[in-house]
N, C-alpha and C. Protein backbone atom coordinates (compact mmCIF):
# COMPACT_ATOMS: atom_id res chain seq x y z
N UNK A 1 0.74 -1.09 0.08
CA UNK A 1 -0.07 0.02 -0.14
C UNK A 1 0.87 1.27 0.06
N UNK A 2 0.96 1.87 -0.93
CA UNK A 2 1.74 3.17 -1.20
C UNK A 2 0.82 4.54 -0.82
N UNK A 3 1.44 5.29 0.10
CA UNK A 3 0.72 6.49 0.57
C UNK A 3 1.68 7.70 -0.16
N UNK A 4 0.62 8.55 -0.65
CA UNK A 4 1.43 9.81 -1.25
C UNK A 4 0.84 11.06 -0.36
N UNK A 5 1.76 12.16 -0.46
CA UNK A 5 1.32 13.44 0.18
C UNK A 5 1.24 14.38 -0.82
N UNK A 6 0.33 15.21 -1.00
CA UNK A 6 0.03 16.12 -1.86
C UNK A 6 0.09 17.61 -1.32
N UNK A 7 0.98 18.49 -1.53
CA UNK A 7 1.09 19.60 -0.94
C UNK A 7 0.49 20.71 -1.79
N UNK A 8 -0.63 21.34 -1.63
CA UNK A 8 -1.14 22.40 -2.30
C UNK A 8 -0.99 23.85 -1.80
N UNK A 9 0.01 23.82 -0.77
CA UNK A 9 0.11 25.09 -0.07
C UNK A 9 0.72 25.95 -1.18
N UNK A 10 0.33 27.23 -1.20
CA UNK A 10 0.68 28.14 -2.17
C UNK A 10 -0.13 27.93 -3.45
N UNK A 11 -0.72 27.06 -3.78
CA UNK A 11 -1.30 26.97 -5.16
C UNK A 11 -2.86 26.92 -4.83
N UNK A 12 -3.41 26.01 -3.96
CA UNK A 12 -4.88 26.13 -3.47
C UNK A 12 -4.97 25.59 -2.12
N UNK A 13 -5.87 26.18 -1.37
CA UNK A 13 -6.03 25.71 0.03
C UNK A 13 -7.43 25.46 0.31
N UNK A 14 -7.68 24.15 0.71
CA UNK A 14 -8.98 23.68 0.84
C UNK A 14 -9.40 24.16 2.20
N UNK A 15 -10.72 24.65 2.14
CA UNK A 15 -11.22 24.99 3.53
C UNK A 15 -11.63 23.62 4.24
N UNK A 16 -11.95 23.53 5.48
CA UNK A 16 -12.34 22.43 6.17
C UNK A 16 -13.51 21.76 5.52
N UNK A 17 -14.54 22.46 5.03
CA UNK A 17 -15.69 22.08 4.40
C UNK A 17 -15.28 21.47 2.97
N UNK A 18 -14.53 22.21 2.28
CA UNK A 18 -14.17 21.58 0.92
C UNK A 18 -13.06 20.33 1.05
N UNK A 19 -12.30 20.22 2.17
CA UNK A 19 -11.65 18.86 2.13
C UNK A 19 -12.77 17.84 2.63
N UNK A 20 -13.53 18.11 3.41
CA UNK A 20 -14.71 17.06 3.89
C UNK A 20 -15.37 16.59 2.71
N UNK A 21 -15.80 17.56 1.60
CA UNK A 21 -16.63 17.23 0.54
C UNK A 21 -15.79 16.44 -0.44
N UNK A 22 -14.44 16.66 -0.61
CA UNK A 22 -13.40 16.04 -1.41
C UNK A 22 -13.42 14.53 -0.92
N UNK A 23 -13.27 14.28 0.42
CA UNK A 23 -13.39 12.93 0.94
C UNK A 23 -14.74 12.39 0.55
N UNK A 24 -15.90 13.08 0.81
CA UNK A 24 -17.31 12.29 0.53
C UNK A 24 -17.36 11.95 -1.01
N UNK A 25 -16.90 12.84 -1.97
CA UNK A 25 -17.05 12.50 -3.37
C UNK A 25 -16.21 11.51 -3.85
N UNK A 26 -15.01 11.28 -3.15
CA UNK A 26 -14.00 10.29 -3.50
C UNK A 26 -14.12 9.13 -2.44
N UNK A 27 -15.08 8.42 -2.23
CA UNK A 27 -15.09 7.50 -1.06
C UNK A 27 -14.25 6.36 -1.15
N UNK A 28 -13.84 5.96 -2.25
CA UNK A 28 -12.93 4.81 -2.59
C UNK A 28 -11.50 5.03 -2.20
N UNK A 29 -11.06 6.46 -1.77
CA UNK A 29 -9.57 6.70 -1.48
C UNK A 29 -9.77 7.30 -0.17
N UNK A 30 -8.75 6.85 0.61
CA UNK A 30 -8.82 7.36 1.91
C UNK A 30 -7.77 8.57 2.09
N UNK A 31 -8.39 9.53 2.61
CA UNK A 31 -7.61 10.90 2.63
C UNK A 31 -7.27 11.03 4.26
N UNK A 32 -6.28 11.82 4.44
CA UNK A 32 -6.13 12.45 5.66
C UNK A 32 -5.39 13.88 5.47
N UNK A 33 -5.46 14.57 6.37
CA UNK A 33 -4.78 15.88 6.23
C UNK A 33 -3.91 16.19 7.26
N UNK A 34 -2.55 16.61 6.99
CA UNK A 34 -1.42 16.83 8.04
C UNK A 34 -1.69 18.24 8.58
N UNK A 35 -1.14 18.54 9.72
CA UNK A 35 -1.36 19.79 10.32
C UNK A 35 -0.79 20.89 9.32
N UNK A 36 -0.01 20.78 8.53
CA UNK A 36 0.45 21.65 7.62
C UNK A 36 -0.51 21.91 6.33
N UNK A 37 -1.51 21.13 6.25
CA UNK A 37 -2.70 21.14 5.60
C UNK A 37 -2.47 20.42 4.12
N UNK A 38 -1.23 19.69 3.98
CA UNK A 38 -0.93 18.85 2.98
C UNK A 38 -1.81 17.53 3.12
N UNK A 39 -2.33 17.00 2.10
CA UNK A 39 -3.26 15.92 1.81
C UNK A 39 -2.44 14.73 1.57
N UNK A 40 -2.74 13.69 2.59
CA UNK A 40 -2.19 12.30 2.40
C UNK A 40 -3.17 11.59 1.74
N UNK A 41 -2.89 10.73 0.75
CA UNK A 41 -3.78 9.94 -0.05
C UNK A 41 -3.34 8.42 0.20
N UNK A 42 -4.30 7.68 0.62
CA UNK A 42 -3.94 6.27 0.87
C UNK A 42 -5.12 5.52 0.17
N UNK A 43 -4.52 4.42 -0.65
CA UNK A 43 -5.43 3.49 -1.34
C UNK A 43 -6.28 2.58 -0.36
N UNK A 44 -7.57 1.87 -0.78
CA UNK A 44 -8.19 1.10 -0.08
C UNK A 44 -7.23 -0.12 0.42
N UNK A 45 -7.64 -0.82 1.38
CA UNK A 45 -7.03 -1.99 1.84
C UNK A 45 -7.23 -3.42 1.03
N UNK A 46 -6.46 -4.08 0.99
CA UNK A 46 -6.79 -5.54 0.47
C UNK A 46 -7.69 -6.22 1.41
N UNK A 47 -7.98 -7.52 0.87
CA UNK A 47 -8.83 -8.18 1.46
C UNK A 47 -8.35 -8.72 2.83
N UNK A 48 -7.16 -9.14 2.85
CA UNK A 48 -6.72 -9.60 4.36
C UNK A 48 -6.60 -8.69 5.33
N UNK A 49 -5.98 -7.56 5.09
CA UNK A 49 -5.92 -6.26 5.94
C UNK A 49 -7.40 -5.87 6.17
N UNK A 50 -8.22 -5.84 5.41
CA UNK A 50 -9.67 -5.26 5.55
C UNK A 50 -10.38 -6.20 6.50
N UNK A 51 -10.05 -7.54 6.41
CA UNK A 51 -10.71 -8.60 7.34
C UNK A 51 -10.16 -8.43 8.76
N UNK A 52 -8.69 -8.08 8.82
CA UNK A 52 -8.21 -7.86 10.00
C UNK A 52 -8.78 -6.50 10.81
N UNK A 53 -8.88 -5.57 9.91
CA UNK A 53 -9.46 -4.32 10.58
C UNK A 53 -10.87 -4.73 10.97
N UNK A 54 -11.81 -5.46 10.13
CA UNK A 54 -13.12 -5.62 10.49
C UNK A 54 -13.10 -6.49 11.93
N UNK A 55 -12.16 -7.43 12.16
CA UNK A 55 -12.15 -8.12 13.32
C UNK A 55 -11.84 -7.15 14.47
N UNK A 56 -10.84 -6.27 14.33
CA UNK A 56 -10.52 -5.35 15.43
C UNK A 56 -11.63 -4.50 15.72
N UNK A 57 -12.34 -3.92 14.81
CA UNK A 57 -13.42 -2.99 15.06
C UNK A 57 -14.61 -3.87 15.67
N UNK A 58 -14.89 -5.09 15.19
CA UNK A 58 -16.00 -6.15 15.95
C UNK A 58 -15.49 -6.05 17.34
N UNK A 59 -14.41 -6.61 17.70
CA UNK A 59 -14.04 -6.63 19.08
C UNK A 59 -14.24 -5.43 19.91
N UNK A 60 -13.85 -4.35 19.36
CA UNK A 60 -13.92 -3.00 20.03
C UNK A 60 -15.48 -2.73 20.29
N UNK A 61 -16.12 -2.86 19.06
CA UNK A 61 -17.70 -2.65 19.18
C UNK A 61 -18.32 -3.64 20.18
N UNK A 62 -18.13 -4.94 20.13
CA UNK A 62 -18.63 -5.78 21.18
C UNK A 62 -18.53 -5.39 22.48
N UNK A 63 -17.25 -4.84 22.81
CA UNK A 63 -16.90 -4.35 24.09
C UNK A 63 -17.81 -3.12 24.49
N UNK A 64 -18.00 -2.25 23.57
CA UNK A 64 -18.62 -0.99 23.71
C UNK A 64 -20.02 -1.10 23.44
N UNK A 65 -20.76 -2.18 23.34
CA UNK A 65 -22.08 -2.25 22.62
C UNK A 65 -23.13 -1.56 23.40
N UNK A 66 -23.19 -1.24 24.66
CA UNK A 66 -23.97 -0.42 25.41
C UNK A 66 -23.80 1.07 25.16
N UNK A 67 -22.68 1.41 24.94
CA UNK A 67 -22.10 2.78 24.70
C UNK A 67 -22.35 3.64 25.78
N UNK A 68 -22.17 3.27 26.98
CA UNK A 68 -22.32 4.10 28.18
C UNK A 68 -21.14 4.77 28.42
N UNK A 69 -19.92 4.13 28.25
CA UNK A 69 -18.67 4.71 28.53
C UNK A 69 -18.28 5.73 27.40
N UNK A 70 -18.60 5.31 26.10
CA UNK A 70 -18.03 6.04 24.87
C UNK A 70 -18.49 5.66 23.91
N UNK A 71 -18.05 6.04 22.68
CA UNK A 71 -18.38 5.78 21.38
C UNK A 71 -17.16 5.18 20.34
N UNK A 72 -17.40 3.87 19.91
CA UNK A 72 -16.37 3.34 19.02
C UNK A 72 -16.57 3.62 17.53
N UNK A 73 -15.43 3.71 16.77
CA UNK A 73 -15.42 4.18 15.58
C UNK A 73 -14.55 3.21 14.72
N UNK A 74 -15.05 3.00 13.38
CA UNK A 74 -14.29 2.12 12.60
C UNK A 74 -13.21 3.14 11.65
N UNK A 75 -12.67 2.51 10.67
CA UNK A 75 -11.38 3.31 10.02
C UNK A 75 -12.02 4.26 9.05
N UNK A 76 -13.26 4.22 8.88
CA UNK A 76 -13.74 5.33 7.89
C UNK A 76 -13.90 6.82 8.61
N UNK A 77 -13.88 6.77 10.11
CA UNK A 77 -14.12 8.10 10.85
C UNK A 77 -12.84 8.86 10.65
N UNK A 78 -13.36 10.14 10.40
CA UNK A 78 -12.24 11.29 10.43
C UNK A 78 -12.44 12.06 11.68
N UNK A 79 -11.19 12.59 12.26
CA UNK A 79 -11.23 13.35 13.43
C UNK A 79 -10.17 14.47 13.22
N UNK A 80 -10.65 15.87 13.39
CA UNK A 80 -9.89 16.82 13.25
C UNK A 80 -9.19 17.11 14.55
N UNK A 81 -7.86 16.95 14.81
CA UNK A 81 -7.22 17.03 15.90
C UNK A 81 -7.04 18.48 16.38
N UNK A 82 -6.78 18.87 17.51
CA UNK A 82 -6.38 20.35 17.94
C UNK A 82 -5.29 20.88 17.00
N UNK A 83 -4.47 20.15 16.61
CA UNK A 83 -3.22 20.70 15.65
C UNK A 83 -3.88 21.07 14.37
N UNK A 84 -4.92 20.57 13.98
CA UNK A 84 -5.52 20.92 12.58
C UNK A 84 -5.47 19.69 11.79
N UNK A 85 -4.64 18.84 11.90
CA UNK A 85 -4.61 17.49 11.17
C UNK A 85 -5.95 16.72 11.33
N UNK A 86 -6.21 16.15 10.08
CA UNK A 86 -7.27 15.12 10.13
C UNK A 86 -6.85 13.82 10.01
N UNK A 87 -7.21 12.88 10.94
CA UNK A 87 -6.72 11.77 10.91
C UNK A 87 -7.82 10.56 10.91
N UNK A 88 -7.49 9.37 10.41
CA UNK A 88 -8.54 8.30 10.57
C UNK A 88 -7.93 7.08 10.76
N UNK A 89 -7.75 6.78 12.18
CA UNK A 89 -7.14 5.64 12.45
C UNK A 89 -7.88 4.35 12.24
N UNK A 90 -7.21 3.24 12.21
CA UNK A 90 -8.02 1.91 12.07
C UNK A 90 -9.03 1.57 12.84
N UNK A 91 -9.10 2.07 14.13
CA UNK A 91 -10.01 2.02 15.12
C UNK A 91 -9.89 2.93 16.11
N UNK A 92 -11.08 3.47 16.88
CA UNK A 92 -10.80 4.56 17.66
C UNK A 92 -12.02 4.57 18.58
N UNK A 93 -11.72 5.14 19.70
CA UNK A 93 -12.77 5.34 20.94
C UNK A 93 -12.78 6.72 21.45
N UNK A 94 -13.92 7.07 21.84
CA UNK A 94 -14.00 8.52 22.57
C UNK A 94 -15.06 8.56 23.61
N UNK A 95 -14.51 8.92 24.95
CA UNK A 95 -15.24 9.04 26.00
C UNK A 95 -16.71 9.56 25.67
N UNK A 96 -17.63 9.12 26.10
CA UNK A 96 -18.99 9.62 26.20
C UNK A 96 -19.14 11.14 26.34
N UNK A 97 -18.51 11.56 27.44
CA UNK A 97 -18.79 13.13 27.63
C UNK A 97 -18.10 13.87 26.59
N UNK A 98 -17.13 13.51 25.94
CA UNK A 98 -16.50 14.25 24.78
C UNK A 98 -17.51 14.11 23.65
N UNK A 99 -18.03 13.03 23.34
CA UNK A 99 -19.11 12.90 22.31
C UNK A 99 -20.25 13.69 22.36
N UNK A 100 -20.84 13.54 23.67
CA UNK A 100 -22.12 14.26 23.93
C UNK A 100 -21.95 16.04 23.77
N UNK A 101 -20.66 16.32 24.16
CA UNK A 101 -20.55 17.77 24.13
C UNK A 101 -20.37 18.37 22.83
N UNK A 102 -20.41 17.51 21.69
CA UNK A 102 -20.21 17.98 20.21
C UNK A 102 -21.78 18.36 19.83
N UNK A 103 -21.76 19.13 18.66
CA UNK A 103 -23.03 19.61 18.15
C UNK A 103 -23.45 18.37 17.10
N UNK A 104 -24.73 18.32 16.71
CA UNK A 104 -24.84 17.37 15.57
C UNK A 104 -24.10 17.68 14.31
N UNK A 105 -23.90 19.02 14.16
CA UNK A 105 -23.01 19.10 12.90
C UNK A 105 -21.65 18.75 13.10
N UNK A 106 -21.01 18.85 14.05
CA UNK A 106 -19.76 18.40 14.46
C UNK A 106 -19.59 16.78 14.31
N UNK A 107 -20.67 16.19 14.75
CA UNK A 107 -20.66 14.76 14.69
C UNK A 107 -21.00 14.27 13.35
N UNK A 108 -21.44 14.86 12.48
CA UNK A 108 -21.71 14.64 10.98
C UNK A 108 -20.35 14.82 10.10
N UNK A 109 -19.51 15.51 10.43
CA UNK A 109 -18.48 15.99 9.77
C UNK A 109 -17.27 15.30 10.61
N UNK A 110 -16.05 15.80 10.19
CA UNK A 110 -14.81 15.28 10.83
C UNK A 110 -14.94 15.72 12.26
N UNK A 111 -15.11 14.95 13.10
CA UNK A 111 -15.14 15.28 14.54
C UNK A 111 -14.01 16.01 15.03
N UNK A 112 -14.32 17.10 15.69
CA UNK A 112 -13.21 18.16 15.94
C UNK A 112 -12.82 17.83 17.55
N UNK A 113 -12.19 16.58 17.60
CA UNK A 113 -11.62 15.92 18.78
C UNK A 113 -10.63 14.85 18.61
N UNK A 114 -9.78 14.80 19.56
CA UNK A 114 -8.63 13.67 19.36
C UNK A 114 -9.31 12.58 20.09
N UNK A 115 -9.26 11.39 19.51
CA UNK A 115 -9.86 10.17 20.26
C UNK A 115 -9.15 9.86 21.40
N UNK A 116 -9.70 9.25 22.45
CA UNK A 116 -8.98 8.83 23.62
C UNK A 116 -8.19 7.59 23.35
N UNK A 117 -8.40 6.98 22.65
CA UNK A 117 -8.16 5.51 22.01
C UNK A 117 -7.85 5.47 20.52
N UNK A 118 -6.55 5.00 20.12
CA UNK A 118 -6.61 4.79 18.65
C UNK A 118 -5.83 3.48 18.51
N UNK A 119 -5.92 2.75 17.28
CA UNK A 119 -5.13 1.78 16.72
C UNK A 119 -4.86 2.17 15.36
N UNK A 120 -3.58 1.70 15.19
CA UNK A 120 -3.13 1.95 13.68
C UNK A 120 -2.40 0.51 13.36
N UNK A 121 -2.56 0.06 12.13
CA UNK A 121 -1.83 -1.16 11.71
C UNK A 121 -0.66 -0.74 10.80
N UNK A 122 0.46 -1.55 10.89
CA UNK A 122 1.49 -1.41 9.86
C UNK A 122 1.42 -2.68 8.95
N UNK A 123 1.47 -2.27 7.80
CA UNK A 123 1.36 -3.44 6.86
C UNK A 123 2.80 -3.50 6.02
N UNK A 124 3.06 -4.24 5.30
CA UNK A 124 4.48 -4.57 4.56
C UNK A 124 4.84 -3.22 3.92
N UNK A 125 3.98 -2.60 3.28
CA UNK A 125 4.22 -1.48 2.49
C UNK A 125 4.23 -0.16 3.13
N UNK A 126 3.80 -0.11 4.46
CA UNK A 126 3.72 1.15 5.34
C UNK A 126 5.07 1.59 5.55
N UNK A 127 5.28 2.97 5.82
CA UNK A 127 6.41 3.60 6.23
C UNK A 127 6.41 3.57 7.83
N UNK A 128 7.19 3.01 8.60
CA UNK A 128 7.26 2.86 10.09
C UNK A 128 7.43 4.27 10.52
N UNK A 129 8.35 4.87 10.06
CA UNK A 129 8.61 6.34 10.57
C UNK A 129 7.38 7.36 10.72
N UNK A 130 6.67 7.13 9.34
CA UNK A 130 5.37 8.00 9.17
C UNK A 130 4.26 7.59 10.25
N UNK A 131 4.21 6.34 10.51
CA UNK A 131 3.25 5.80 11.38
C UNK A 131 3.67 6.25 12.85
N UNK A 132 4.94 6.07 13.09
CA UNK A 132 5.27 6.22 14.37
C UNK A 132 4.99 7.87 14.72
N UNK A 133 5.39 8.83 13.75
CA UNK A 133 5.14 10.15 13.86
C UNK A 133 3.57 10.41 13.92
N UNK A 134 2.64 9.64 13.39
CA UNK A 134 1.19 9.87 13.58
C UNK A 134 0.85 9.44 14.85
N UNK A 135 1.31 8.30 15.41
CA UNK A 135 1.11 7.94 16.77
C UNK A 135 1.58 8.93 17.96
N UNK A 136 2.73 9.55 17.69
CA UNK A 136 3.09 10.68 18.56
C UNK A 136 2.25 11.84 18.40
N UNK A 137 1.56 12.07 17.51
CA UNK A 137 0.83 13.27 16.91
C UNK A 137 -0.64 12.75 17.92
N UNK A 138 -0.92 11.66 17.64
CA UNK A 138 -2.12 11.43 18.50
C UNK A 138 -2.02 11.91 19.84
N UNK A 139 -0.95 11.20 20.37
CA UNK A 139 -0.38 11.40 21.86
C UNK A 139 -0.36 12.79 22.27
N UNK A 140 0.31 13.61 21.36
CA UNK A 140 0.48 15.06 21.57
C UNK A 140 -0.89 15.94 21.34
N UNK A 141 -1.71 15.30 21.01
CA UNK A 141 -3.05 15.86 20.86
C UNK A 141 -4.28 15.39 21.81
N UNK A 142 -3.91 14.52 22.72
CA UNK A 142 -4.66 13.99 23.78
C UNK A 142 -5.28 12.50 23.67
N UNK A 143 -4.55 11.79 22.83
CA UNK A 143 -5.00 10.29 23.03
C UNK A 143 -4.26 9.71 24.22
N UNK A 144 -5.12 9.03 25.08
CA UNK A 144 -4.52 8.37 26.17
C UNK A 144 -3.95 7.09 26.07
N UNK A 145 -4.43 6.63 25.01
CA UNK A 145 -3.77 4.88 24.75
C UNK A 145 -3.79 4.86 23.26
N UNK A 146 -2.76 4.45 22.80
CA UNK A 146 -2.71 4.02 21.41
C UNK A 146 -1.84 2.62 21.17
N UNK A 147 -2.14 2.01 20.19
CA UNK A 147 -1.54 0.68 19.65
C UNK A 147 -1.15 0.77 18.28
N UNK A 148 0.10 0.64 18.00
CA UNK A 148 0.62 0.36 16.74
C UNK A 148 1.00 -0.86 16.50
N UNK A 149 0.27 -1.70 15.77
CA UNK A 149 0.26 -3.19 15.66
C UNK A 149 0.92 -3.50 13.95
N UNK A 150 2.06 -4.12 14.30
CA UNK A 150 2.68 -4.65 12.98
C UNK A 150 2.14 -6.04 12.64
N UNK A 151 1.29 -6.04 11.43
CA UNK A 151 0.48 -7.25 11.16
C UNK A 151 1.70 -8.14 10.44
N UNK A 152 2.65 -8.00 10.31
CA UNK A 152 3.79 -8.96 9.71
C UNK A 152 4.61 -9.73 10.73
N UNK A 153 4.94 -8.80 11.84
CA UNK A 153 5.83 -9.33 12.83
C UNK A 153 5.03 -9.67 14.18
N UNK A 154 3.92 -8.96 14.41
CA UNK A 154 3.08 -9.23 15.57
C UNK A 154 3.53 -8.37 16.63
N UNK A 155 4.56 -7.39 16.56
CA UNK A 155 5.23 -6.66 17.52
C UNK A 155 4.10 -5.35 17.54
N UNK A 156 3.98 -4.91 18.98
CA UNK A 156 3.08 -3.93 19.29
C UNK A 156 3.86 -2.85 19.89
N UNK A 157 3.40 -1.78 19.61
CA UNK A 157 4.09 -0.39 20.26
C UNK A 157 2.87 0.27 20.90
N UNK A 158 3.05 0.56 22.25
CA UNK A 158 2.06 0.83 23.13
C UNK A 158 2.29 2.45 23.39
N UNK A 159 1.44 3.44 23.08
CA UNK A 159 1.64 4.76 23.46
C UNK A 159 0.61 4.89 24.30
N UNK A 160 1.14 5.76 25.51
CA UNK A 160 0.44 6.39 26.56
C UNK A 160 0.56 7.68 26.73
N UNK A 161 -0.40 8.37 27.28
CA UNK A 161 -0.03 9.89 27.49
C UNK A 161 0.93 10.23 28.46
N UNK A 162 2.16 10.97 28.22
CA UNK A 162 3.17 11.36 29.12
C UNK A 162 3.91 10.23 29.57
N UNK A 163 4.14 9.07 28.87
CA UNK A 163 4.95 7.98 29.16
C UNK A 163 5.85 7.53 27.75
N UNK A 164 6.76 6.77 28.17
CA UNK A 164 7.74 6.10 27.15
C UNK A 164 6.83 5.08 26.24
N UNK A 165 7.30 4.95 25.17
CA UNK A 165 6.62 4.01 24.22
C UNK A 165 7.07 2.48 24.78
N UNK A 166 6.09 1.60 25.08
CA UNK A 166 6.28 0.19 25.36
C UNK A 166 6.28 -0.57 24.18
N UNK A 167 7.11 -1.68 23.96
CA UNK A 167 7.21 -2.50 22.75
C UNK A 167 6.83 -3.85 23.33
N UNK A 168 5.92 -4.40 22.92
CA UNK A 168 5.76 -5.97 22.91
C UNK A 168 5.94 -6.81 22.06
N UNK A 169 6.61 -7.92 22.08
CA UNK A 169 6.80 -8.91 20.99
C UNK A 169 5.80 -9.92 21.06
N UNK A 170 4.95 -10.02 20.12
CA UNK A 170 3.88 -11.12 19.88
C UNK A 170 2.92 -11.34 20.98
N UNK A 171 2.40 -10.25 21.59
CA UNK A 171 1.60 -10.56 22.73
C UNK A 171 0.26 -11.28 22.13
N UNK A 172 -0.44 -12.17 22.99
CA UNK A 172 -1.56 -12.93 22.50
C UNK A 172 -2.71 -11.80 22.71
N UNK A 173 -2.88 -11.04 23.86
CA UNK A 173 -3.77 -10.13 23.88
C UNK A 173 -3.27 -8.58 24.18
N UNK A 174 -4.09 -7.68 24.33
CA UNK A 174 -3.86 -6.28 24.60
C UNK A 174 -4.73 -5.79 25.62
N UNK A 175 -4.60 -5.14 26.76
CA UNK A 175 -5.70 -4.80 27.62
C UNK A 175 -5.82 -3.22 27.31
N UNK A 176 -6.98 -2.87 27.45
CA UNK A 176 -7.43 -1.45 27.27
C UNK A 176 -7.18 -0.68 28.28
N UNK A 177 -6.59 -1.20 29.47
CA UNK A 177 -6.03 -0.62 30.85
C UNK A 177 -7.24 0.06 31.32
N UNK A 178 -6.97 1.39 31.85
CA UNK A 178 -7.91 2.13 32.58
C UNK A 178 -8.58 3.09 31.42
N UNK A 179 -8.07 3.28 30.16
CA UNK A 179 -8.83 3.85 29.32
C UNK A 179 -10.24 3.20 28.62
N UNK A 180 -10.04 1.94 28.58
CA UNK A 180 -11.20 1.04 28.09
C UNK A 180 -11.10 0.04 29.05
N UNK A 181 -11.87 0.11 30.32
CA UNK A 181 -11.83 -0.79 31.27
C UNK A 181 -12.45 -2.05 31.00
N UNK A 182 -11.70 -3.22 31.10
CA UNK A 182 -12.32 -4.41 30.77
C UNK A 182 -12.14 -4.89 29.37
N UNK A 183 -11.71 -4.00 28.45
CA UNK A 183 -11.46 -4.46 27.18
C UNK A 183 -10.10 -5.29 26.82
N UNK A 184 -10.27 -6.51 26.19
CA UNK A 184 -8.96 -7.10 25.99
C UNK A 184 -9.24 -7.54 24.43
N UNK A 185 -8.19 -7.06 23.74
CA UNK A 185 -7.97 -7.38 22.29
C UNK A 185 -7.53 -8.72 22.14
N UNK A 186 -8.15 -9.79 21.45
CA UNK A 186 -7.54 -10.90 21.07
C UNK A 186 -6.80 -10.72 19.72
N UNK A 187 -5.50 -10.64 20.15
CA UNK A 187 -4.61 -10.39 18.92
C UNK A 187 -4.56 -11.55 17.91
N UNK A 188 -4.51 -12.85 18.56
CA UNK A 188 -4.25 -14.23 17.84
C UNK A 188 -5.52 -14.08 16.52
N UNK A 189 -6.54 -13.76 16.99
CA UNK A 189 -7.64 -13.69 15.89
C UNK A 189 -7.56 -12.69 14.74
N UNK A 190 -6.65 -11.59 15.06
CA UNK A 190 -6.43 -10.72 14.05
C UNK A 190 -5.07 -10.97 13.18
N UNK A 191 -4.09 -11.33 13.80
CA UNK A 191 -2.87 -11.77 13.08
C UNK A 191 -2.85 -13.20 12.46
N UNK A 192 -3.92 -14.11 12.65
CA UNK A 192 -3.91 -15.38 12.04
C UNK A 192 -4.50 -15.27 10.67
């Protein structure tokens, strides 16, 4: 999966609404926007990685099924972070209080808040440096727990607010800790 960055700065600057409409009109392309307003273009996932993403989203959704603690999101959700970047993690979760504080219009567009929890997958074609920078960006913008999961090696990098990154080698499960109390991700079903 090759990712491209398109820098239109100085040529044309899309407003937030124009960027949202661009994403809506080209739904087969995954767009993100960096804090400098350059546009990141990512192709759709293949069957295996899409299935892995569905499994991840299913597990998070089942844990969150009564939605009293918060709201779970699939990879198609976009979030406008406080630094202005628009990101779309493989899966994410937001505390109920943050979701309820948003207007209906904010909930319909790219939600102007940083998720409390995010997951990003590394595939064989991904740039590890870019994904680590993205995880750091989430953390700097308020994400309390983030998992960067390497789908080829099974290695997991855990990002926590105000802590050093922890690296696990082939864990069978991951705990949602105090951010997602009681949530345990079965990694074996995703990596197999």
